[in-house]
């Protein structure tokens, strides 16, 4: 029995110092109200268990990095599309100011030659 009066639960360590090492811990530890009861359950974890836990930790890290890269890609695509839309709008605005001879339409003064 742990100090909370509950039966301890068997868990596996996720620390880098003791990956996969099994221990008995308070049943309420994960909810933050545990009594910090702790006792090692085995002397040495099996090599496979250590490798599986290490790979699970690696998968978790890679999933986090993937989510971050997806956000970066979404932002890059969004800004790229917005940039092209702005360029197209500016080209349209310039084109709409030209007459069919390549001169600026009169805006109250002389014609301004932009093309040839």
N, C-alpha and C. Protein backbone atom coordinates (compact mmCIF):
# COMPACT_ATOMS: atom_id res chain seq x y z
N UNK A 1 0.84 -1.19 0.00
CA UNK A 1 0.00 0.00 0.00
C UNK A 1 0.88 1.25 0.00
N UNK A 2 0.40 2.26 -0.78
CA UNK A 2 1.14 3.52 -0.77
C UNK A 2 0.62 4.38 0.38
N UNK A 3 1.18 5.56 0.52
CA UNK A 3 0.81 6.44 1.62
C UNK A 3 -0.61 7.01 1.48
N UNK A 4 -1.23 6.85 0.30
CA UNK A 4 -2.61 7.30 0.09
C UNK A 4 -3.60 6.20 0.50
N UNK A 5 -3.09 5.04 0.84
CA UNK A 5 -3.94 3.92 1.19
C UNK A 5 -4.41 3.13 -0.02
N UNK A 6 -3.88 3.44 -1.19
CA UNK A 6 -4.25 2.74 -2.42
C UNK A 6 -3.18 1.74 -2.80
N UNK A 7 -3.57 0.83 -3.65
CA UNK A 7 -2.63 -0.16 -4.15
C UNK A 7 -1.74 0.51 -5.20
N UNK A 8 -0.43 0.41 -5.13
CA UNK A 8 0.44 1.04 -6.13
C UNK A 8 0.24 0.40 -7.50
N UNK A 9 0.55 1.15 -8.54
CA UNK A 9 0.43 0.65 -9.91
C UNK A 9 1.82 0.48 -10.51
N UNK A 10 1.94 -0.51 -11.40
CA UNK A 10 3.21 -0.80 -12.06
C UNK A 10 3.34 0.13 -13.26
N UNK A 11 4.47 0.83 -13.34
CA UNK A 11 4.72 1.79 -14.42
C UNK A 11 6.11 1.55 -14.98
N UNK A 12 6.38 2.16 -16.13
CA UNK A 12 7.71 2.09 -16.73
C UNK A 12 8.31 3.49 -16.76
N UNK A 13 9.56 3.58 -16.40
CA UNK A 13 10.25 4.86 -16.39
C UNK A 13 10.43 5.38 -17.80
N UNK A 14 10.26 6.69 -17.97
CA UNK A 14 10.45 7.34 -19.27
C UNK A 14 11.63 8.30 -19.24
N UNK A 15 12.43 8.22 -18.20
CA UNK A 15 13.58 9.11 -18.09
C UNK A 15 14.73 8.58 -18.93
N UNK A 16 15.66 9.46 -19.27
CA UNK A 16 16.82 9.03 -20.05
C UNK A 16 17.79 8.21 -19.21
N UNK A 17 17.76 8.41 -17.90
CA UNK A 17 18.66 7.66 -17.01
C UNK A 17 18.21 6.22 -16.82
N UNK A 18 16.90 5.98 -16.79
CA UNK A 18 16.35 4.64 -16.53
C UNK A 18 15.23 4.30 -17.50
N UNK A 19 15.45 4.38 -18.80
CA UNK A 19 14.35 4.13 -19.73
C UNK A 19 13.86 2.68 -19.65
N UNK A 20 12.56 2.51 -19.52
CA UNK A 20 11.98 1.18 -19.49
C UNK A 20 12.05 0.46 -18.16
N UNK A 21 12.75 1.03 -17.20
CA UNK A 21 12.89 0.39 -15.89
C UNK A 21 11.53 0.46 -15.19
N UNK A 22 11.05 -0.70 -14.73
CA UNK A 22 9.72 -0.75 -14.11
C UNK A 22 9.79 -0.36 -12.64
N UNK A 23 8.73 0.28 -12.20
CA UNK A 23 8.64 0.69 -10.79
C UNK A 23 7.19 0.71 -10.34
N UNK A 24 7.01 0.64 -9.03
CA UNK A 24 5.69 0.78 -8.43
C UNK A 24 5.52 2.23 -8.02
N UNK A 25 4.38 2.83 -8.39
CA UNK A 25 4.13 4.22 -8.05
C UNK A 25 2.71 4.42 -7.55
N UNK A 26 2.48 5.55 -6.93
CA UNK A 26 1.17 5.89 -6.40
C UNK A 26 0.13 5.92 -7.53
N UNK A 27 -1.05 5.42 -7.26
CA UNK A 27 -2.12 5.39 -8.25
C UNK A 27 -2.58 6.79 -8.65
N UNK A 28 -2.37 7.76 -7.79
CA UNK A 28 -2.83 9.13 -8.05
C UNK A 28 -1.73 10.04 -8.59
N UNK A 29 -0.57 9.50 -8.89
CA UNK A 29 0.56 10.33 -9.32
C UNK A 29 0.24 11.11 -10.60
N UNK A 30 -0.39 10.45 -11.59
CA UNK A 30 -0.66 11.10 -12.88
C UNK A 30 -1.67 12.23 -12.79
N UNK A 31 -2.49 12.27 -11.76
CA UNK A 31 -3.47 13.34 -11.62
C UNK A 31 -2.97 14.45 -10.71
N UNK A 32 -1.73 14.34 -10.24
CA UNK A 32 -1.12 15.41 -9.46
C UNK A 32 -1.44 15.40 -7.99
N UNK A 33 -2.12 14.36 -7.52
CA UNK A 33 -2.47 14.31 -6.10
C UNK A 33 -1.83 13.11 -5.41
N UNK A 34 -0.77 12.61 -6.00
CA UNK A 34 -0.13 11.41 -5.47
C UNK A 34 0.73 11.69 -4.25
N UNK A 35 1.08 10.59 -3.58
CA UNK A 35 1.89 10.71 -2.37
C UNK A 35 3.37 10.49 -2.67
N UNK A 36 3.71 10.35 -3.94
CA UNK A 36 5.09 10.14 -4.38
C UNK A 36 5.66 8.80 -3.93
N UNK A 37 4.81 7.81 -3.70
CA UNK A 37 5.29 6.48 -3.38
C UNK A 37 6.08 5.95 -4.57
N UNK A 38 7.23 5.32 -4.28
CA UNK A 38 8.10 4.82 -5.35
C UNK A 38 8.87 3.62 -4.86
N UNK A 39 8.93 2.58 -5.69
CA UNK A 39 9.77 1.40 -5.41
C UNK A 39 10.07 0.72 -6.74
N UNK A 40 11.35 0.40 -6.97
CA UNK A 40 11.72 -0.30 -8.20
C UNK A 40 11.07 -1.67 -8.20
N UNK A 41 10.54 -2.09 -9.35
CA UNK A 41 9.87 -3.38 -9.46
C UNK A 41 10.79 -4.47 -9.97
N UNK A 42 11.75 -4.12 -10.78
CA UNK A 42 12.69 -5.12 -11.32
C UNK A 42 14.10 -4.59 -11.20
N UNK A 43 15.03 -5.49 -11.30
CA UNK A 43 16.43 -5.11 -11.14
C UNK A 43 16.95 -4.44 -12.41
N UNK A 44 16.68 -5.02 -13.55
CA UNK A 44 17.20 -4.50 -14.81
C UNK A 44 16.14 -4.70 -15.90
N UNK A 45 15.77 -3.67 -16.63
CA UNK A 45 14.79 -3.84 -17.69
C UNK A 45 15.36 -4.67 -18.84
N UNK A 46 14.49 -5.33 -19.55
CA UNK A 46 14.94 -6.11 -20.69
C UNK A 46 15.33 -5.17 -21.82
N UNK A 47 16.30 -5.60 -22.61
CA UNK A 47 16.82 -4.76 -23.68
C UNK A 47 15.73 -4.36 -24.67
N UNK A 48 14.82 -5.27 -24.97
CA UNK A 48 13.74 -4.94 -25.90
C UNK A 48 12.85 -3.83 -25.36
N UNK A 49 12.53 -3.90 -24.08
CA UNK A 49 11.66 -2.89 -23.48
C UNK A 49 12.32 -1.52 -23.54
N UNK A 50 13.62 -1.47 -23.29
CA UNK A 50 14.35 -0.20 -23.36
C UNK A 50 14.31 0.35 -24.78
N UNK A 51 14.53 -0.52 -25.76
CA UNK A 51 14.52 -0.07 -27.15
C UNK A 51 13.13 0.40 -27.57
N UNK A 52 12.09 -0.31 -27.17
CA UNK A 52 10.72 0.08 -27.51
C UNK A 52 10.40 1.44 -26.90
N UNK A 53 10.76 1.63 -25.65
CA UNK A 53 10.49 2.92 -25.00
C UNK A 53 11.27 4.05 -25.67
N UNK A 54 12.53 3.78 -26.03
CA UNK A 54 13.35 4.78 -26.70
C UNK A 54 12.71 5.16 -28.04
N UNK A 55 12.23 4.15 -28.77
CA UNK A 55 11.60 4.42 -30.07
C UNK A 55 10.28 5.16 -29.90
N UNK A 56 9.53 4.86 -28.86
CA UNK A 56 8.28 5.59 -28.61
C UNK A 56 8.57 7.06 -28.32
N UNK A 57 9.62 7.31 -27.55
CA UNK A 57 9.99 8.69 -27.25
C UNK A 57 10.43 9.40 -28.54
N UNK A 58 11.14 8.69 -29.41
CA UNK A 58 11.59 9.26 -30.67
C UNK A 58 10.38 9.58 -31.57
N UNK A 59 9.41 8.67 -31.60
CA UNK A 59 8.19 8.90 -32.39
C UNK A 59 7.47 10.14 -31.89
N UNK A 60 7.38 10.29 -30.58
CA UNK A 60 6.71 11.45 -30.01
C UNK A 60 7.43 12.74 -30.42
N UNK A 61 8.75 12.72 -30.35
CA UNK A 61 9.54 13.89 -30.74
C UNK A 61 9.33 14.21 -32.22
N UNK A 62 9.35 13.18 -33.07
CA UNK A 62 9.17 13.40 -34.50
C UNK A 62 7.77 13.91 -34.83
N UNK A 63 6.76 13.43 -34.12
CA UNK A 63 5.40 13.93 -34.34
C UNK A 63 5.30 15.41 -34.01
N UNK A 64 5.97 15.82 -32.94
CA UNK A 64 5.97 17.23 -32.56
C UNK A 64 6.65 18.07 -33.63
N UNK A 65 7.81 17.59 -34.11
CA UNK A 65 8.53 18.32 -35.17
C UNK A 65 7.70 18.37 -36.45
N UNK A 66 7.02 17.29 -36.78
CA UNK A 66 6.19 17.26 -37.99
C UNK A 66 5.07 18.29 -37.91
N UNK A 67 4.44 18.38 -36.76
CA UNK A 67 3.37 19.37 -36.59
C UNK A 67 3.91 20.78 -36.79
N UNK A 68 5.10 21.06 -36.27
CA UNK A 68 5.72 22.37 -36.41
C UNK A 68 6.04 22.66 -37.88
N UNK A 69 6.57 21.68 -38.60
CA UNK A 69 6.90 21.86 -40.01
C UNK A 69 5.64 22.05 -40.85
N UNK A 70 4.55 21.36 -40.50
CA UNK A 70 3.29 21.55 -41.22
C UNK A 70 2.79 22.98 -41.08
N UNK A 71 2.93 23.55 -39.89
CA UNK A 71 2.52 24.94 -39.66
C UNK A 71 3.39 25.87 -40.49
N UNK A 72 4.71 25.61 -40.52
CA UNK A 72 5.60 26.45 -41.31
C UNK A 72 5.25 26.38 -42.79
N UNK A 73 4.95 25.18 -43.29
CA UNK A 73 4.59 25.02 -44.70
C UNK A 73 3.29 25.75 -45.01
N UNK A 74 2.32 25.64 -44.13
CA UNK A 74 1.04 26.34 -44.33
C UNK A 74 1.26 27.85 -44.40
N UNK A 75 2.09 28.38 -43.51
CA UNK A 75 2.37 29.81 -43.53
C UNK A 75 3.09 30.22 -44.82
N UNK A 76 4.06 29.41 -45.25
CA UNK A 76 4.80 29.73 -46.48
C UNK A 76 3.87 29.73 -47.69
N UNK A 77 3.01 28.74 -47.78
CA UNK A 77 2.07 28.67 -48.91
C UNK A 77 1.10 29.85 -48.86
N UNK A 78 0.61 30.17 -47.67
CA UNK A 78 -0.33 31.28 -47.52
C UNK A 78 0.30 32.59 -47.98
N UNK A 79 1.52 32.87 -47.49
CA UNK A 79 2.18 34.11 -47.89
C UNK A 79 2.55 34.10 -49.37
N UNK A 80 2.88 32.95 -49.92
CA UNK A 80 3.17 32.85 -51.35
C UNK A 80 1.95 33.18 -52.19
N UNK A 81 0.82 32.62 -51.82
CA UNK A 81 -0.43 32.88 -52.55
C UNK A 81 -0.80 34.35 -52.43
N UNK A 82 -0.71 34.89 -51.24
CA UNK A 82 -1.03 36.32 -51.04
C UNK A 82 -0.10 37.18 -51.88
N UNK A 83 1.16 36.83 -51.92
CA UNK A 83 2.13 37.59 -52.72
C UNK A 83 1.76 37.60 -54.20
N UNK A 84 1.40 36.43 -54.73
CA UNK A 84 1.02 36.36 -56.14
C UNK A 84 -0.27 37.13 -56.41
N UNK A 85 -1.19 37.08 -55.49
CA UNK A 85 -2.44 37.84 -55.67
C UNK A 85 -2.13 39.33 -55.74
N UNK A 86 -1.25 39.81 -54.87
CA UNK A 86 -0.86 41.23 -54.89
C UNK A 86 -0.20 41.59 -56.21
N UNK A 87 0.70 40.73 -56.71
CA UNK A 87 1.37 40.98 -57.99
C UNK A 87 0.35 41.06 -59.12
N UNK A 88 -0.60 40.12 -59.13
CA UNK A 88 -1.62 40.13 -60.19
C UNK A 88 -2.49 41.38 -60.12
N UNK A 89 -2.85 41.79 -58.92
CA UNK A 89 -3.65 43.01 -58.77
C UNK A 89 -2.88 44.22 -59.27
N UNK A 90 -1.60 44.32 -58.92
CA UNK A 90 -0.78 45.44 -59.39
C UNK A 90 -0.63 45.43 -60.91
N UNK A 91 -0.43 44.25 -61.49
CA UNK A 91 -0.32 44.16 -62.96
C UNK A 91 -1.63 44.58 -63.61
N UNK A 92 -2.73 44.16 -63.08
CA UNK A 92 -4.03 44.54 -63.62
C UNK A 92 -4.23 46.04 -63.54
N UNK A 93 -3.85 46.62 -62.39
CA UNK A 93 -4.02 48.07 -62.22
C UNK A 93 -3.17 48.84 -63.23
N UNK A 94 -1.92 48.40 -63.46
CA UNK A 94 -1.07 49.08 -64.43
C UNK A 94 -1.64 48.89 -65.83
N UNK A 95 -2.05 47.67 -66.16
CA UNK A 95 -2.61 47.39 -67.48
C UNK A 95 -3.88 48.20 -67.73
N UNK A 96 -4.70 48.36 -66.70
CA UNK A 96 -5.94 49.12 -66.88
C UNK A 96 -5.68 50.61 -67.09
N UNK A 97 -4.51 51.10 -66.77
CA UNK A 97 -4.17 52.51 -66.98
C UNK A 97 -3.60 52.76 -68.38
N UNK A 98 -3.29 51.68 -69.12
CA UNK A 98 -2.72 51.84 -70.46
C UNK A 98 -3.83 51.81 -71.51
N UNK A 99 -3.62 52.59 -72.57
CA UNK A 99 -4.54 52.44 -73.69
C UNK A 99 -3.93 51.40 -74.63
N UNK A 100 -4.55 51.14 -75.77
CA UNK A 100 -4.05 50.09 -76.64
C UNK A 100 -2.81 50.49 -77.43
N UNK A 101 -2.24 51.67 -77.23
CA UNK A 101 -0.99 52.08 -77.87
C UNK A 101 0.18 52.03 -76.91
N UNK A 102 -0.03 51.54 -75.68
CA UNK A 102 1.05 51.44 -74.71
C UNK A 102 1.33 52.73 -73.98
N UNK A 103 0.41 53.69 -74.07
CA UNK A 103 0.59 54.97 -73.37
C UNK A 103 -0.38 55.02 -72.20
N UNK A 104 0.02 55.75 -71.20
CA UNK A 104 -0.87 55.96 -70.06
C UNK A 104 -2.06 56.77 -70.52
N UNK A 105 -3.22 56.43 -70.06
CA UNK A 105 -4.41 57.22 -70.38
C UNK A 105 -4.25 58.59 -69.73
N UNK A 106 -4.81 59.57 -70.35
CA UNK A 106 -4.66 60.92 -69.83
C UNK A 106 -5.28 61.02 -68.45
N UNK A 107 -4.49 61.52 -67.55
CA UNK A 107 -4.95 61.73 -66.18
C UNK A 107 -4.95 63.22 -65.88
N UNK A 108 -5.13 64.02 -66.90
CA UNK A 108 -5.16 65.46 -66.71
C UNK A 108 -3.91 66.14 -67.19
N UNK A 109 -3.00 65.41 -67.82
CA UNK A 109 -1.77 66.02 -68.32
C UNK A 109 -1.35 65.36 -69.61
N UNK A 110 -0.06 65.34 -69.85
CA UNK A 110 0.49 64.73 -71.09
C UNK A 110 0.45 63.21 -70.97
N UNK A 111 0.50 62.58 -72.16
CA UNK A 111 0.62 61.12 -72.17
C UNK A 111 2.01 60.72 -71.71
N UNK A 112 2.08 59.65 -70.96
CA UNK A 112 3.37 59.12 -70.50
C UNK A 112 3.60 57.81 -71.23
N UNK A 113 4.70 57.70 -71.95
CA UNK A 113 4.99 56.49 -72.72
C UNK A 113 5.67 55.49 -71.79
N UNK A 114 5.06 54.31 -71.64
CA UNK A 114 5.65 53.25 -70.81
C UNK A 114 6.26 52.16 -71.67
N UNK A 115 5.67 51.91 -72.83
CA UNK A 115 6.16 50.85 -73.71
C UNK A 115 6.59 51.46 -75.03
N UNK A 116 7.81 51.16 -75.46
CA UNK A 116 8.34 51.52 -76.77
C UNK A 116 7.99 52.86 -77.20
